[in-house]
Amino acid sequence: MQLSAHHPWLLWVAVGVGLSGCLRRDNAPLKPDVTSLDLTLAQGDSESIEIAFAGLSSSVAVTGTSDEEWLSFESSARDGRSAMTVVVSAAALDQGSFMGQVMLSAPGHMSMAVPVGLTVTPPELRFDPTTFTFEVRQEELADREVIARSTLAGTPVVLRSDAAWLT
């Protein structure tokens, strides 16, 4: 194509058409409704957190990755929008504080890191049943004993009562 000084609009059209290919929406930013996670879990517990993405239809698959074994992912959709469920598990972790990150990505969008903070506390002691009933005739006055066992080895069990008759 030969350009003429008499037709400057011709140059603008040629450059404009060439640039239109550069103005595509590739690498648009992801817009999650959560930009960081900070959780406290008892040792052995886990929690699922759903992250939805504004302006991203459910037909776009969002993927998540992490180098941390205590983070896993599931793709999902909510209200016609793409979503990601992050599962945080303290099942194999010792007590303490942990930092990690979730790397989110979707076709045509920039990848995004979401920092994750996790504090693991001692396990909760759970009884089943949650109440104990004793029937003792006054003349029997037999000793009754309840033994509580922890499901995690090495975890001390302390039972307290504010009733004078229960020791």
Foldseek 3Di string as FASTA:
>chain_A
DDDDPVCVVVVVVVVVVVCVVVPDLFAAAWAKPAQAAEEEEEAQDKDKDKIWTPPAFCVWWKDKDWPDPQWDKDWDDDPRTTMIIIMGGNHPPDFAKDKIWIWIDTGRHHIGIYIYIYGYHHHDFDDVVPDDDDDDDPVRPDDDDDDGDDPDPPDDDDDDDPDPVPD
